[in-house]
Amino acid sequence: MNKGQTPAYLLLEDGSLFTGYSMGKQGTSIGEVVFNTCTASYTSLLSDPTYYGQIVAQTYPLVGNRGVSAENRPSDIMANGYIVREWCDVTDDGELSLDAYLRKQGIVGLCGIDMRRLTRALRDKGYVKGAITDDLSDKEGLLRRIRAYTISGAVHAITTRAPQHVPLANASYRVCVLDYGFPRDILRGLTAQGCELDILPADSTAEQLLALSPDGIFLSDGPADPDDDPALVREISAIIKLGIPVFAVGLGHQMLALANGMEIEKMQKGHRGSNQPVFCTHTGRFMVTEQNHGYAVRRESVRSDTAEILLYNLNDKSVEGLLYRWFSGLSVQFTPSADPDSSTAWVFPRFAEMMEEARK
């Protein structure tokens, strides 16, 4: 049940208006509005760095029936705002409600809107900018601010500031992780393959990576447009030439494609949620994948002598994975799960095989 009765609104760049109630911090927040169909923990969703600069609408009808405990303090919220149909105000002793959690972290939220109408609008229009606000006194001025909004410098804003080493007893491999802004849970998939890790800032050079003598290099996921920072793409071109196996996910997958002369296109309808169907051309198997992106590698730009399209999306046939021909490289668009029972977990042992093959 939502106790808050302060009116608040979601205003989209085309003038569409959704009326609801304020949740979390009161005020105005602008961002790219996206929806997510996951039933995952809202703390995990909001702290995901790939949502940097975005307002997230979660389609699950009731959110927050599990509160946030002080002992299990979550990471800082990366999203610009949060929208739900209804939030639960009943929590166990010592836990923060969703409303209190957002207020504590200074995040503007909105509840009580027609979520089906919003989801259809976002699905049909693709990328949409908007604002959550409790003040429409200058609607035209707010619309100008919304339309002028861009996400810039996202990777450099959230990458690690200093190298971090993740040790592992009896490690089989050493992997350098370039941090473009990614959820740390994916690292479990690498450590499960016997990898000790060096997490490095996004602008680390090929020489700095080589000095660590890694067996493999992981290009992480991250937020925003892969064309935003050509300097990072140029450095990936130099990294490829080291002759060390490369595994890339999400934004890393897109920038690796750019470094190999491919093109990136803005999708008419981005992939958001945990049920995107992907097909593997090698095995003939289907996978159910978790994704959050609005850009993709343009299929027509993939040269057969450079890479093979290993995976594609069954809904729109977009490129979901590439296997490179001229160097040891594998990349996927989705977020592979570290759970060994997941249909996507195979990518981690495949990367380990690439590193073992390189040793021989």
Foldseek 3Di string as FASTA:
>chain_A
DDPFDQKKWKAWLVGDIWIFGKFADAFKWKAWEDEAAAPDAPLLVQQFQQQARYEYEYADAEHFAEFAAPVNDGDQGRHQEYEHAYYDPDYDPRGDTPRRVRNVNVHIYGYNTPSVVVNVVCQQQPTIMIMMHSDCPPVVVRSVVRVPDDDAPSQVVAADPAKDKADDPPAPWEEEEERSGGPPQLVLLQVVLRYIYIYGYLLDALVVVVVVVGLEYEYEAHYDDLVRDVSSLVRLLVNQVVQHAYEYEASRQVSPCVNVVWDKDFASHDDHYFAFWKAFPVPRDIFGFHADDGMATDPVRDDPQFWDQGMATPPPRTRAKIQGDPGNYIYGNTRAHSPPVHPRSVVSVVSVVSSVVSVD
